[in-house]
Amino acid sequence: MVIKAITAFLNTDGGLLYVGVTDESEIFGIESDYATFKKKNRDGFLLHLNNILIKYFTKKIFSFVEPNIETIDEKDIAIIVVKKSSNPVFITEKGEKLFYIRGTASVQKLDLEETAGYIRAHW
C-alpha cells in the first residue's frame, strides 16, 4: 500500500517511492491505473493520489510529499519524493492508529512499545 510506504518514509529519513516499477526494477508503468480514473491520464492519477494523501494525512502533507510522473521506456511511472516528517506520523486502519517505519528495504509496523522507544530516539 502506497500510504504505508509514505508513512514509513515520513517516520524514518525520507526517500523515493516508485510506483509502476517492480522490486526487481522492471518498469511496467501506471497506464493501467489511468483507466480506473475519471480523467484517464497523468492528471487523473495525480488527482487520485492527492485525494488519498489528504484523506490519510490532511493538506499539510504536501510540504513533505512531492509526487511526479516520469516517462521511462515509453511507460509512465510515478516517483514520490518523501521528506522526513518533523513529527511522528500515524495512519488509521480499521479504527486502529498504526505507526510504520522504513527498515532495510521494507516497511515495518511497530507495536506500541517499539513505537514509544522509536519516537524517543528519533525525535
PDB file of N, CA and C in Angstrom:
ATOM      1  N   MET A   1       0.840  -1.182   0.000  1.00  0.00           N
ATOM      2  CA  MET A   1       0.000   0.000   0.000  1.00  0.00           C
ATOM      3  C   MET A   1       0.884   1.244   0.000  1.00  0.00           C
ATOM      4  N   VAL A   2       0.595   2.154  -0.874  1.00  0.00           N
ATOM      5  CA  VAL A   2       1.384   3.374  -1.021  1.00  0.00           C
ATOM      6  C   VAL A   2       1.364   4.199   0.264  1.00  0.00           C
ATOM      7  N   ILE A   3       0.243   4.252   0.946  1.00  0.00           N
ATOM      8  CA  ILE A   3       0.133   5.065   2.164  1.00  0.00           C
ATOM      9  C   ILE A   3       1.061   4.547   3.251  1.00  0.00           C
ATOM     10  N   LYS A   4       1.148   3.233   3.424  1.00  0.00           N
ATOM     11  CA  LYS A   4       2.059   2.673   4.424  1.00  0.00           C
ATOM     12  C   LYS A   4       3.500   3.029   4.091  1.00  0.00           C
ATOM     13  N   ALA A   5       3.866   2.929   2.826  1.00  0.00           N
ATOM     14  CA  ALA A   5       5.238   3.248   2.416  1.00  0.00           C
ATOM     15  C   ALA A   5       5.545   4.722   2.646  1.00  0.00           C
ATOM     16  N   ILE A   6       4.613   5.598   2.308  1.00  0.00           N
ATOM     17  CA  ILE A   6       4.822   7.035   2.526  1.00  0.00           C
ATOM     18  C   ILE A   6       4.965   7.317   4.015  1.00  0.00           C
ATOM     19  N   THR A   7       4.101   6.712   4.827  1.00  0.00           N
ATOM     20  CA  THR A   7       4.184   6.891   6.280  1.00  0.00           C
ATOM     21  C   THR A   7       5.538   6.433   6.806  1.00  0.00           C
ATOM     22  N   ALA A   8       6.007   5.291   6.325  1.00  0.00           N
ATOM     23  CA  ALA A   8       7.299   4.768   6.765  1.00  0.00           C
ATOM     24  C   ALA A   8       8.436   5.727   6.411  1.00  0.00           C
ATOM     25  N   PHE A   9       8.413   6.267   5.196  1.00  0.00           N
ATOM     26  CA  PHE A   9       9.444   7.240   4.810  1.00  0.00           C
ATOM     27  C   PHE A   9       9.344   8.501   5.656  1.00  0.00           C
ATOM     28  N   LEU A  10       8.135   8.979   5.915  1.00  0.00           N
ATOM     29  CA  LEU A  10       7.946  10.174   6.758  1.00  0.00           C
ATOM     30  C   LEU A  10       8.549   9.956   8.137  1.00  0.00           C
ATOM     31  N   ASN A  11       8.394   8.762   8.681  1.00  0.00           N
ATOM     32  CA  ASN A  11       8.852   8.468  10.038  1.00  0.00           C
ATOM     33  C   ASN A  11      10.308   8.047  10.121  1.00  0.00           C
ATOM     34  N   THR A  12      10.961   7.888   8.990  1.00  0.00           N
ATOM     35  CA  THR A  12      12.356   7.465   9.016  1.00  0.00           C
ATOM     36  C   THR A  12      13.202   8.628   8.517  1.00  0.00           C
ATOM     37  N   ASP A  13      13.788   8.519   7.366  1.00  0.00           N
ATOM     38  CA  ASP A  13      14.655   9.584   6.866  1.00  0.00           C
ATOM     39  C   ASP A  13      14.226  10.076   5.494  1.00  0.00           C
ATOM     40  N   GLY A  14      12.960   9.869   5.143  1.00  0.00           N
ATOM     41  CA  GLY A  14      12.500  10.248   3.811  1.00  0.00           C
ATOM     42  C   GLY A  14      12.945   9.213   2.795  1.00  0.00           C
ATOM     43  N   GLY A  15      12.671   9.498   1.525  1.00  0.00           N
ATOM     44  CA  GLY A  15      13.093   8.577   0.479  1.00  0.00           C
ATOM     45  C   GLY A  15      12.290   8.758  -0.789  1.00  0.00           C
ATOM     46  N   LEU A  16      12.533   7.892  -1.741  1.00  0.00           N
ATOM     47  CA  LEU A  16      11.839   7.904  -3.024  1.00  0.00           C
ATOM     48  C   LEU A  16      10.983   6.652  -3.137  1.00  0.00           C
ATOM     49  N   LEU A  17       9.731   6.833  -3.529  1.00  0.00           N
ATOM     50  CA  LEU A  17       8.826   5.722  -3.744  1.00  0.00           C
ATOM     51  C   LEU A  17       8.492   5.683  -5.227  1.00  0.00           C
ATOM     52  N   TYR A  18       8.744   4.537  -5.853  1.00  0.00           N
ATOM     53  CA  TYR A  18       8.480   4.358  -7.278  1.00  0.00           C
ATOM     54  C   TYR A  18       7.215   3.528  -7.453  1.00  0.00           C
ATOM     55  N   VAL A  19       6.252   4.055  -8.191  1.00  0.00           N
ATOM     56  CA  VAL A  19       5.014   3.343  -8.491  1.00  0.00           C
ATOM     57  C   VAL A  19       5.034   3.024  -9.980  1.00  0.00           C
ATOM     58  N   GLY A  20       4.839   1.753 -10.304  1.00  0.00           N
ATOM     59  CA  GLY A  20       4.920   1.317 -11.692  1.00  0.00           C
ATOM     60  C   GLY A  20       6.242   0.647 -11.999  1.00  0.00           C
ATOM     61  N   VAL A  21       6.984   0.288 -10.939  1.00  0.00           N
ATOM     62  CA  VAL A  21       8.278  -0.378 -11.067  1.00  0.00           C
ATOM     63  C   VAL A  21       8.303  -1.529 -10.061  1.00  0.00           C
ATOM     64  N   THR A  22       8.713  -2.718 -10.501  1.00  0.00           N
ATOM     65  CA  THR A  22       8.791  -3.863  -9.594  1.00  0.00           C
ATOM     66  C   THR A  22      10.011  -3.743  -8.684  1.00  0.00           C
ATOM     67  N   ASP A  23      10.063  -4.591  -7.672  1.00  0.00           N
ATOM     68  CA  ASP A  23      11.233  -4.634  -6.779  1.00  0.00           C
ATOM     69  C   ASP A  23      12.501  -5.015  -7.522  1.00  0.00           C
ATOM     70  N   GLU A  24      12.332  -5.656  -8.677  1.00  0.00           N
ATOM     71  CA  GLU A  24      13.480  -6.058  -9.498  1.00  0.00           C
ATOM     72  C   GLU A  24      13.812  -4.984 -10.539  1.00  0.00           C
ATOM     73  N   SER A  25      13.255  -3.798 -10.387  1.00  0.00           N
ATOM     74  CA  SER A  25      13.487  -2.632 -11.269  1.00  0.00           C
ATOM     75  C   SER A  25      12.892  -2.791 -12.665  1.00  0.00           C
ATOM     76  N   GLU A  26      11.939  -3.703 -12.828  1.00  0.00           N
ATOM     77  CA  GLU A  26      11.252  -3.840 -14.109  1.00  0.00           C
ATOM     78  C   GLU A  26      10.143  -2.790 -14.188  1.00  0.00           C
ATOM     79  N   ILE A  27      10.114  -2.054 -15.275  1.00  0.00           N
ATOM     80  CA  ILE A  27       9.137  -0.990 -15.445  1.00  0.00           C
ATOM     81  C   ILE A  27       7.891  -1.543 -16.120  1.00  0.00           C
ATOM     82  N   PHE A  28       6.764  -1.492 -15.414  1.00  0.00           N
ATOM     83  CA  PHE A  28       5.504  -1.919 -16.024  1.00  0.00           C
ATOM     84  C   PHE A  28       4.558  -0.738 -16.213  1.00  0.00           C
ATOM     85  N   GLY A  29       4.853   0.393 -15.580  1.00  0.00           N
ATOM     86  CA  GLY A  29       4.097   1.612 -15.803  1.00  0.00           C
ATOM     87  C   GLY A  29       2.804   1.693 -15.004  1.00  0.00           C
ATOM     88  N   ILE A  30       2.162   2.849 -15.126  1.00  0.00           N
ATOM     89  CA  ILE A  30       0.917   3.105 -14.407  1.00  0.00           C
ATOM     90  C   ILE A  30      -0.245   3.361 -15.360  1.00  0.00           C
ATOM     91  N   GLU A  31      -0.052   3.094 -16.646  1.00  0.00           N
ATOM     92  CA  GLU A  31      -1.103   3.347 -17.625  1.00  0.00           C
ATOM     93  C   GLU A  31      -2.383   2.564 -17.323  1.00  0.00           C
ATOM     94  N   SER A  32      -2.258   1.352 -16.795  1.00  0.00           N
ATOM     95  CA  SER A  32      -3.466   0.581 -16.470  1.00  0.00           C
ATOM     96  C   SER A  32      -4.256   1.247 -15.345  1.00  0.00           C
ATOM     97  N   ASP A  33      -3.571   1.985 -14.488  1.00  0.00           N
ATOM     98  CA  ASP A  33      -4.265   2.740 -13.437  1.00  0.00           C
ATOM     99  C   ASP A  33      -5.103   3.868 -14.040  1.00  0.00           C
ATOM    100  N   TYR A  34      -4.595   4.480 -15.098  1.00  0.00           N
ATOM    101  CA  TYR A  34      -5.310   5.595 -15.726  1.00  0.00           C
ATOM    102  C   TYR A  34      -6.746   5.216 -16.078  1.00  0.00           C
ATOM    103  N   ALA A  35      -6.950   3.995 -16.536  1.00  0.00           N
ATOM    104  CA  ALA A  35      -8.275   3.551 -16.979  1.00  0.00           C
ATOM    105  C   ALA A  35      -9.293   3.546 -15.841  1.00  0.00           C
ATOM    106  N   THR A  36      -8.835   3.543 -14.594  1.00  0.00           N
ATOM    107  CA  THR A  36      -9.741   3.477 -13.449  1.00  0.00           C
ATOM    108  C   THR A  36     -10.197   4.851 -12.973  1.00  0.00           C
ATOM    109  N   PHE A  37      -9.669   5.917 -13.568  1.00  0.00           N
ATOM    110  CA  PHE A  37      -9.995   7.277 -13.124  1.00  0.00           C
ATOM    111  C   PHE A  37     -10.927   7.977 -14.102  1.00  0.00           C
ATOM    112  N   LYS A  38     -11.624   8.984 -13.588  1.00  0.00           N
ATOM    113  CA  LYS A  38     -12.498   9.790 -14.449  1.00  0.00           C
ATOM    114  C   LYS A  38     -11.669  10.466 -15.541  1.00  0.00           C
ATOM    115  N   LYS A  39     -10.581  11.117 -15.127  1.00  0.00           N
ATOM    116  CA  LYS A  39      -9.614  11.667 -16.083  1.00  0.00           C
ATOM    117  C   LYS A  39      -8.588  10.564 -16.324  1.00  0.00           C
ATOM    118  N   LYS A  40      -8.574   9.993 -17.468  1.00  0.00           N
ATOM    119  CA  LYS A  40      -7.785   8.797 -17.761  1.00  0.00           C
ATOM    120  C   LYS A  40      -6.387   9.153 -18.269  1.00  0.00           C
ATOM    121  N   ASN A  41      -5.663   9.909 -17.417  1.00  0.00           N
ATOM    122  CA  ASN A  41      -4.333  10.361 -17.805  1.00  0.00           C
ATOM    123  C   ASN A  41      -3.515  10.681 -16.553  1.00  0.00           C
ATOM    124  N   ARG A  42      -2.372  11.308 -16.751  1.00  0.00           N
ATOM    125  CA  ARG A  42      -1.499  11.676 -15.627  1.00  0.00           C
ATOM    126  C   ARG A  42      -2.236  12.517 -14.595  1.00  0.00           C
ATOM    127  N   ASP A  43      -2.998  13.499 -15.079  1.00  0.00           N
ATOM    128  CA  ASP A  43      -3.730  14.369 -14.150  1.00  0.00           C
ATOM    129  C   ASP A  43      -4.693  13.572 -13.281  1.00  0.00           C
ATOM    130  N   GLY A  44      -5.383  12.596 -13.886  1.00  0.00           N
ATOM    131  CA  GLY A  44      -6.292  11.753 -13.128  1.00  0.00           C
ATOM    132  C   GLY A  44      -5.562  10.978 -12.041  1.00  0.00           C
ATOM    133  N   PHE A  45      -4.388  10.442 -12.381  1.00  0.00           N
ATOM    134  CA  PHE A  45      -3.584   9.705 -11.402  1.00  0.00           C
ATOM    135  C   PHE A  45      -3.176  10.623 -10.254  1.00  0.00           C
ATOM    136  N   LEU A  46      -2.653  11.810 -10.593  1.00  0.00           N
ATOM    137  CA  LEU A  46      -2.185  12.737  -9.563  1.00  0.00           C
ATOM    138  C   LEU A  46      -3.336  13.256  -8.705  1.00  0.00           C
ATOM    139  N   LEU A  47      -4.494  13.502  -9.310  1.00  0.00           N
ATOM    140  CA  LEU A  47      -5.663  13.923  -8.528  1.00  0.00           C
ATOM    141  C   LEU A  47      -6.082  12.835  -7.550  1.00  0.00           C
ATOM    142  N   HIS A  48      -6.092  11.599  -8.022  1.00  0.00           N
ATOM    143  CA  HIS A  48      -6.438  10.475  -7.146  1.00  0.00           C
ATOM    144  C   HIS A  48      -5.436  10.355  -5.997  1.00  0.00           C
ATOM    145  N   LEU A  49      -4.162  10.438  -6.315  1.00  0.00           N
ATOM    146  CA  LEU A  49      -3.124  10.372  -5.283  1.00  0.00           C
ATOM    147  C   LEU A  49      -3.283  11.515  -4.290  1.00  0.00           C
ATOM    148  N   ASN A  50      -3.520  12.725  -4.783  1.00  0.00           N
ATOM    149  CA  ASN A  50      -3.714  13.875  -3.889  1.00  0.00           C
ATOM    150  C   ASN A  50      -4.891  13.637  -2.939  1.00  0.00           C
ATOM    151  N   ASN A  51      -5.997  13.103  -3.466  1.00  0.00           N
ATOM    152  CA  ASN A  51      -7.165  12.841  -2.622  1.00  0.00           C
ATOM    153  C   ASN A  51      -6.854  11.809  -1.540  1.00  0.00           C
ATOM    154  N   ILE A  52      -6.105  10.782  -1.904  1.00  0.00           N
ATOM    155  CA  ILE A  52      -5.716   9.764  -0.913  1.00  0.00           C
ATOM    156  C   ILE A  52      -4.809  10.378   0.154  1.00  0.00           C
ATOM    157  N   LEU A  53      -3.848  11.189  -0.264  1.00  0.00           N
ATOM    158  CA  LEU A  53      -2.938  11.824   0.692  1.00  0.00           C
ATOM    159  C   LEU A  53      -3.700  12.712   1.666  1.00  0.00           C
ATOM    160  N   ILE A  54      -4.637  13.493   1.156  1.00  0.00           N
ATOM    161  CA  ILE A  54      -5.429  14.376   2.018  1.00  0.00           C
ATOM    162  C   ILE A  54      -6.284  13.554   2.980  1.00  0.00           C
ATOM    163  N   LYS A  55      -6.861  12.467   2.491  1.00  0.00           N
ATOM    164  CA  LYS A  55      -7.707  11.610   3.331  1.00  0.00           C
ATOM    165  C   LYS A  55      -6.923  11.061   4.528  1.00  0.00           C
ATOM    166  N   TYR A  56      -5.709  10.596   4.286  1.00  0.00           N
ATOM    167  CA  TYR A  56      -4.935   9.975   5.356  1.00  0.00           C
ATOM    168  C   TYR A  56      -4.124  10.964   6.189  1.00  0.00           C
ATOM    169  N   PHE A  57      -3.713  12.087   5.593  1.00  0.00           N
ATOM    170  CA  PHE A  57      -2.764  12.967   6.285  1.00  0.00           C
ATOM    171  C   PHE A  57      -3.214  14.416   6.449  1.00  0.00           C
ATOM    172  N   THR A  58      -4.169  14.903   5.749  1.00  0.00           N
ATOM    173  CA  THR A  58      -4.578  16.304   5.623  1.00  0.00           C
ATOM    174  C   THR A  58      -3.646  17.025   4.653  1.00  0.00           C
ATOM    175  N   LYS A  59      -3.982  18.245   4.310  1.00  0.00           N
ATOM    176  CA  LYS A  59      -3.244  19.005   3.294  1.00  0.00           C
ATOM    177  C   LYS A  59      -1.830  19.372   3.726  1.00  0.00           C
ATOM    178  N   LYS A  60      -1.541  19.294   5.012  1.00  0.00           N
ATOM    179  CA  LYS A  60      -0.183  19.592   5.491  1.00  0.00           C
ATOM    180  C   LYS A  60       0.851  18.651   4.889  1.00  0.00           C
ATOM    181  N   ILE A  61       0.404  17.514   4.412  1.00  0.00           N
ATOM    182  CA  ILE A  61       1.317  16.506   3.867  1.00  0.00           C
ATOM    183  C   ILE A  61       2.121  17.032   2.684  1.00  0.00           C
ATOM    184  N   PHE A  62       1.557  17.996   1.952  1.00  0.00           N
ATOM    185  CA  PHE A  62       2.215  18.442   0.724  1.00  0.00           C
ATOM    186  C   PHE A  62       3.519  19.206   0.961  1.00  0.00           C
ATOM    187  N   SER A  63       3.818  19.547   2.213  1.00  0.00           N
ATOM    188  CA  SER A  63       5.137  20.119   2.485  1.00  0.00           C
ATOM    189  C   SER A  63       6.189  19.022   2.651  1.00  0.00           C
ATOM    190  N   PHE A  64       5.749  17.754   2.713  1.00  0.00           N
ATOM    191  CA  PHE A  64       6.657  16.628   2.885  1.00  0.00           C
ATOM    192  C   PHE A  64       6.642  15.638   1.717  1.00  0.00           C
ATOM    193  N   VAL A  65       5.626  15.701   0.864  1.00  0.00           N
ATOM    194  CA  VAL A  65       5.457  14.719  -0.205  1.00  0.00           C
ATOM    195  C   VAL A  65       5.281  15.436  -1.539  1.00  0.00           C
ATOM    196  N   GLU A  66       6.096  15.037  -2.519  1.00  0.00           N
ATOM    197  CA  GLU A  66       6.018  15.634  -3.857  1.00  0.00           C
ATOM    198  C   GLU A  66       5.929  14.524  -4.903  1.00  0.00           C
ATOM    199  N   PRO A  67       4.722  14.306  -5.444  1.00  0.00           N
ATOM    200  CA  PRO A  67       4.580  13.286  -6.487  1.00  0.00           C
ATOM    201  C   PRO A  67       4.910  13.844  -7.871  1.00  0.00           C
ATOM    202  N   ASN A  68       5.558  13.033  -8.679  1.00  0.00           N
ATOM    203  CA  ASN A  68       5.897  13.389 -10.059  1.00  0.00           C
ATOM    204  C   ASN A  68       5.646  12.181 -10.950  1.00  0.00           C
ATOM    205  N   ILE A  69       5.430  12.431 -12.222  1.00  0.00           N
ATOM    206  CA  ILE A  69       5.316  11.340 -13.181  1.00  0.00           C
ATOM    207  C   ILE A  69       6.388  11.531 -14.241  1.00  0.00           C
ATOM    208  N   GLU A  70       7.135  10.463 -14.488  1.00  0.00           N
ATOM    209  CA  GLU A  70       8.200  10.456 -15.482  1.00  0.00           C
ATOM    210  C   GLU A  70       7.898   9.370 -16.507  1.00  0.00           C
ATOM    211  N   THR A  71       8.426   9.532 -17.710  1.00  0.00           N
ATOM    212  CA  THR A  71       8.297   8.507 -18.733  1.00  0.00           C
ATOM    213  C   THR A  71       9.645   7.837 -18.936  1.00  0.00           C
ATOM    214  N   ILE A  72       9.659   6.521 -18.783  1.00  0.00           N
ATOM    215  CA  ILE A  72      10.863   5.721 -18.990  1.00  0.00           C
ATOM    216  C   ILE A  72      10.475   4.545 -19.878  1.00  0.00           C
ATOM    217  N   ASP A  73      11.249   4.325 -20.925  1.00  0.00           N
ATOM    218  CA  ASP A  73      10.950   3.242 -21.877  1.00  0.00           C
ATOM    219  C   ASP A  73       9.501   3.320 -22.361  1.00  0.00           C
ATOM    220  N   GLU A  74       9.048   4.528 -22.629  1.00  0.00           N
ATOM    221  CA  GLU A  74       7.701   4.802 -23.148  1.00  0.00           C
ATOM    222  C   GLU A  74       6.591   4.402 -22.182  1.00  0.00           C
ATOM    223  N   LYS A  75       6.908   4.281 -20.897  1.00  0.00           N
ATOM    224  CA  LYS A  75       5.914   3.963 -19.870  1.00  0.00           C
ATOM    225  C   LYS A  75       5.993   5.017 -18.776  1.00  0.00           C
ATOM    226  N   ASP A  76       4.823   5.426 -18.282  1.00  0.00           N
ATOM    227  CA  ASP A  76       4.783   6.386 -17.190  1.00  0.00           C
ATOM    228  C   ASP A  76       4.972   5.669 -15.859  1.00  0.00           C
ATOM    229  N   ILE A  77       5.789   6.252 -14.996  1.00  0.00           N
ATOM    230  CA  ILE A  77       5.917   5.793 -13.616  1.00  0.00           C
ATOM    231  C   ILE A  77       5.748   7.003 -12.706  1.00  0.00           C
ATOM    232  N   ALA A  78       5.286   6.754 -11.502  1.00  0.00           N
ATOM    233  CA  ALA A  78       5.184   7.818 -10.508  1.00  0.00           C
ATOM    234  C   ALA A  78       6.397   7.719  -9.590  1.00  0.00           C
ATOM    235  N   ILE A  79       7.006   8.859  -9.351  1.00  0.00           N
ATOM    236  CA  ILE A  79       8.108   8.948  -8.396  1.00  0.00           C
ATOM    237  C   ILE A  79       7.649   9.915  -7.313  1.00  0.00           C
ATOM    238  N   ILE A  80       7.523   9.402  -6.104  1.00  0.00           N
ATOM    239  CA  ILE A  80       7.034  10.210  -4.999  1.00  0.00           C
ATOM    240  C   ILE A  80       8.211  10.501  -4.075  1.00  0.00           C
ATOM    241  N   VAL A  81       8.574  11.772  -4.000  1.00  0.00           N
ATOM    242  CA  VAL A  81       9.659  12.221  -3.131  1.00  0.00           C
ATOM    243  C   VAL A  81       9.051  12.488  -1.754  1.00  0.00           C
ATOM    244  N   VAL A  82       9.591  11.825  -0.729  1.00  0.00           N
ATOM    245  CA  VAL A  82       9.072  11.974   0.629  1.00  0.00           C
ATOM    246  C   VAL A  82      10.200  12.481   1.526  1.00  0.00           C
ATOM    247  N   LYS A  83       9.931  13.568   2.237  1.00  0.00           N
ATOM    248  CA  LYS A  83      10.888  14.108   3.201  1.00  0.00           C
ATOM    249  C   LYS A  83      10.569  13.566   4.593  1.00  0.00           C
ATOM    250  N   LYS A  84      11.561  13.553   5.455  1.00  0.00           N
ATOM    251  CA  LYS A  84      11.345  13.146   6.841  1.00  0.00           C
ATOM    252  C   LYS A  84      10.403  14.139   7.506  1.00  0.00           C
ATOM    253  N   SER A  85       9.434  13.631   8.234  1.00  0.00           N
ATOM    254  CA  SER A  85       8.494  14.488   8.949  1.00  0.00           C
ATOM    255  C   SER A  85       9.151  15.073  10.189  1.00  0.00           C
ATOM    256  N   SER A  86       8.694  16.251  10.565  1.00  0.00           N
ATOM    257  CA  SER A  86       9.207  16.888  11.772  1.00  0.00           C
ATOM    258  C   SER A  86       8.529  16.338  13.032  1.00  0.00           C
ATOM    259  N   ASN A  87       7.489  15.523  12.847  1.00  0.00           N
ATOM    260  CA  ASN A  87       6.759  14.893  13.951  1.00  0.00           C
ATOM    261  C   ASN A  87       6.396  13.462  13.563  1.00  0.00           C
ATOM    262  N   PRO A  88       6.164  12.595  14.544  1.00  0.00           N
ATOM    263  CA  PRO A  88       5.718  11.237  14.228  1.00  0.00           C
ATOM    264  C   PRO A  88       4.406  11.257  13.444  1.00  0.00           C
ATOM    265  N   VAL A  89       4.266  10.328  12.502  1.00  0.00           N
ATOM    266  CA  VAL A  89       3.067  10.249  11.667  1.00  0.00           C
ATOM    267  C   VAL A  89       2.436   8.871  11.850  1.00  0.00           C
ATOM    268  N   PHE A  90       1.152   8.866  12.186  1.00  0.00           N
ATOM    269  CA  PHE A  90       0.374   7.641  12.336  1.00  0.00           C
ATOM    270  C   PHE A  90      -0.689   7.616  11.245  1.00  0.00           C
ATOM    271  N   ILE A  91      -1.122   6.433  10.859  1.00  0.00           N
ATOM    272  CA  ILE A  91      -2.291   6.308  10.000  1.00  0.00           C
ATOM    273  C   ILE A  91      -3.313   5.447  10.730  1.00  0.00           C
ATOM    274  N   THR A  92      -4.577   5.623  10.368  1.00  0.00           N
ATOM    275  CA  THR A  92      -5.650   4.856  10.989  1.00  0.00           C
ATOM    276  C   THR A  92      -6.172   3.829   9.995  1.00  0.00           C
ATOM    277  N   GLU A  93      -6.184   2.579  10.425  1.00  0.00           N
ATOM    278  CA  GLU A  93      -6.740   1.480   9.636  1.00  0.00           C
ATOM    279  C   GLU A  93      -7.697   0.707  10.520  1.00  0.00           C
ATOM    280  N   LYS A  94      -8.924   0.582  10.061  1.00  0.00           N
ATOM    281  CA  LYS A  94      -9.953  -0.156  10.801  1.00  0.00           C
ATOM    282  C   LYS A  94     -10.049   0.342  12.240  1.00  0.00           C
ATOM    283  N   GLY A  95      -9.980   1.658  12.427  1.00  0.00           N
ATOM    284  CA  GLY A  95     -10.127   2.262  13.739  1.00  0.00           C
ATOM    285  C   GLY A  95      -8.901   2.190  14.629  1.00  0.00           C
ATOM    286  N   GLU A  96      -7.809   1.646  14.132  1.00  0.00           N
ATOM    287  CA  GLU A  96      -6.587   1.489  14.925  1.00  0.00           C
ATOM    288  C   GLU A  96      -5.502   2.417  14.402  1.00  0.00           C
ATOM    289  N   LYS A  97      -4.854   3.165  15.300  1.00  0.00           N
ATOM    290  CA  LYS A  97      -3.725   4.014  14.935  1.00  0.00           C
ATOM    291  C   LYS A  97      -2.489   3.141  14.777  1.00  0.00           C
ATOM    292  N   LEU A  98      -1.826   3.258  13.610  1.00  0.00           N
ATOM    293  CA  LEU A  98      -0.661   2.426  13.322  1.00  0.00           C
ATOM    294  C   LEU A  98       0.551   3.299  13.008  1.00  0.00           C
ATOM    295  N   PHE A  99       1.722   2.785  13.362  1.00  0.00           N
ATOM    296  CA  PHE A  99       2.974   3.508  13.166  1.00  0.00           C
ATOM    297  C   PHE A  99       3.914   2.630  12.352  1.00  0.00           C
ATOM    298  N   TYR A 100       4.407   3.177  11.249  1.00  0.00           N
ATOM    299  CA  TYR A 100       5.292   2.447  10.347  1.00  0.00           C
ATOM    300  C   TYR A 100       6.618   3.179  10.197  1.00  0.00           C
ATOM    301  N   ILE A 101       7.676   2.395  10.009  1.00  0.00           N
ATOM    302  CA  ILE A 101       8.988   2.943   9.682  1.00  0.00           C
ATOM    303  C   ILE A 101       9.539   2.169   8.483  1.00  0.00           C
ATOM    304  N   ARG A 102      10.598   2.691   7.920  1.00  0.00           N
ATOM    305  CA  ARG A 102      11.284   2.014   6.826  1.00  0.00           C
ATOM    306  C   ARG A 102      12.421   1.204   7.425  1.00  0.00           C
ATOM    307  N   GLY A 103      12.415  -0.110   7.173  1.00  0.00           N
ATOM    308  CA  GLY A 103      13.516  -0.973   7.591  1.00  0.00           C
ATOM    309  C   GLY A 103      14.574  -0.957   6.498  1.00  0.00           C
ATOM    310  N   THR A 104      15.410  -1.950   6.470  1.00  0.00           N
ATOM    311  CA  THR A 104      16.476  -2.013   5.479  1.00  0.00           C
ATOM    312  C   THR A 104      15.950  -1.830   4.067  1.00  0.00           C
ATOM    313  N   ALA A 105      14.942  -2.596   3.701  1.00  0.00           N
ATOM    314  CA  ALA A 105      14.370  -2.476   2.356  1.00  0.00           C
ATOM    315  C   ALA A 105      12.874  -2.771   2.379  1.00  0.00           C
ATOM    316  N   SER A 106      12.244  -2.482   3.518  1.00  0.00           N
ATOM    317  CA  SER A 106      10.829  -2.799   3.627  1.00  0.00           C
ATOM    318  C   SER A 106      10.145  -1.891   4.647  1.00  0.00           C
ATOM    319  N   VAL A 107       8.828  -1.916   4.627  1.00  0.00           N
ATOM    320  CA  VAL A 107       8.014  -1.180   5.581  1.00  0.00           C
ATOM    321  C   VAL A 107       7.792  -2.077   6.794  1.00  0.00           C
ATOM    322  N   GLN A 108       8.012  -1.520   7.982  1.00  0.00           N
ATOM    323  CA  GLN A 108       7.859  -2.282   9.216  1.00  0.00           C
ATOM    324  C   GLN A 108       6.837  -1.603  10.125  1.00  0.00           C
ATOM    325  N   LYS A 109       5.868  -2.372  10.614  1.00  0.00           N
ATOM    326  CA  LYS A 109       4.904  -1.854  11.592  1.00  0.00           C
ATOM    327  C   LYS A 109       5.467  -2.083  12.979  1.00  0.00           C
ATOM    328  N   LEU A 110       5.438  -1.043  13.814  1.00  0.00           N
ATOM    329  CA  LEU A 110       5.931  -1.166  15.184  1.00  0.00           C
ATOM    330  C   LEU A 110       4.758  -1.315  16.142  1.00  0.00           C
ATOM    331  N   ASP A 111       4.960  -2.109  17.189  1.00  0.00           N
ATOM    332  CA  ASP A 111       3.921  -2.203  18.216  1.00  0.00           C
ATOM    333  C   ASP A 111       4.047  -0.983  19.133  1.00  0.00           C
ATOM    334  N   LEU A 112       3.187  -0.891  20.127  1.00  0.00           N
ATOM    335  CA  LEU A 112       3.136   0.293  20.983  1.00  0.00           C
ATOM    336  C   LEU A 112       4.453   0.562  21.695  1.00  0.00           C
ATOM    337  N   GLU A 113       5.044  -0.461  22.275  1.00  0.00           N
ATOM    338  CA  GLU A 113       6.307  -0.292  22.993  1.00  0.00           C
ATOM    339  C   GLU A 113       7.437   0.118  22.041  1.00  0.00           C
ATOM    340  N   GLU A 114       7.511  -0.540  20.880  1.00  0.00           N
ATOM    341  CA  GLU A 114       8.532  -0.194  19.886  1.00  0.00           C
ATOM    342  C   GLU A 114       8.340   1.242  19.388  1.00  0.00           C
ATOM    343  N   THR A 115       7.090   1.627  19.175  1.00  0.00           N
ATOM    344  CA  THR A 115       6.788   2.974  18.701  1.00  0.00           C
ATOM    345  C   THR A 115       7.245   4.020  19.703  1.00  0.00           C
ATOM    346  N   ALA A 116       6.936   3.812  20.974  1.00  0.00           N
ATOM    347  CA  ALA A 116       7.342   4.769  22.014  1.00  0.00           C
ATOM    348  C   ALA A 116       8.859   4.927  22.052  1.00  0.00           C
ATOM    349  N   GLY A 117       9.583   3.824  22.014  1.00  0.00           N
ATOM    350  CA  GLY A 117      11.048   3.888  22.020  1.00  0.00           C
ATOM    351  C   GLY A 117      11.601   4.551  20.778  1.00  0.00           C
ATOM    352  N   TYR A 118      11.027   4.234  19.633  1.00  0.00           N
ATOM    353  CA  TYR A 118      11.481   4.826  18.373  1.00  0.00           C
ATOM    354  C   TYR A 118      11.271   6.335  18.375  1.00  0.00           C
ATOM    355  N   ILE A 119      10.111   6.771  18.830  1.00  0.00           N
ATOM    356  CA  ILE A 119       9.818   8.206  18.854  1.00  0.00           C
ATOM    357  C   ILE A 119      10.777   8.930  19.795  1.00  0.00           C
ATOM    358  N   ARG A 120      11.043   8.356  20.957  1.00  0.00           N
ATOM    359  CA  ARG A 120      12.000   8.987  21.897  1.00  0.00           C
ATOM    360  C   ARG A 120      13.375   9.126  21.253  1.00  0.00           C
ATOM    361  N   ALA A 121      13.807   8.097  20.541  1.00  0.00           N
ATOM    362  CA  ALA A 121      15.143   8.110  19.940  1.00  0.00           C
ATOM    363  C   ALA A 121      15.228   8.948  18.667  1.00  0.00           C
ATOM    364  N   HIS A 122      14.128   9.031  17.937  1.00  0.00           N
ATOM    365  CA  HIS A 122      14.157   9.644  16.595  1.00  0.00           C
ATOM    366  C   HIS A 122      13.831  11.128  16.582  1.00  0.00           C
ATOM    367  N   TRP A 123      13.011  11.583  17.519  1.00  0.00           N
ATOM    368  CA  TRP A 123      12.648  12.995  17.514  1.00  0.00           C
ATOM    369  C   TRP A 123      13.179  13.644  18.759  1.00  0.00           C
TER     370      TRP A 123
END
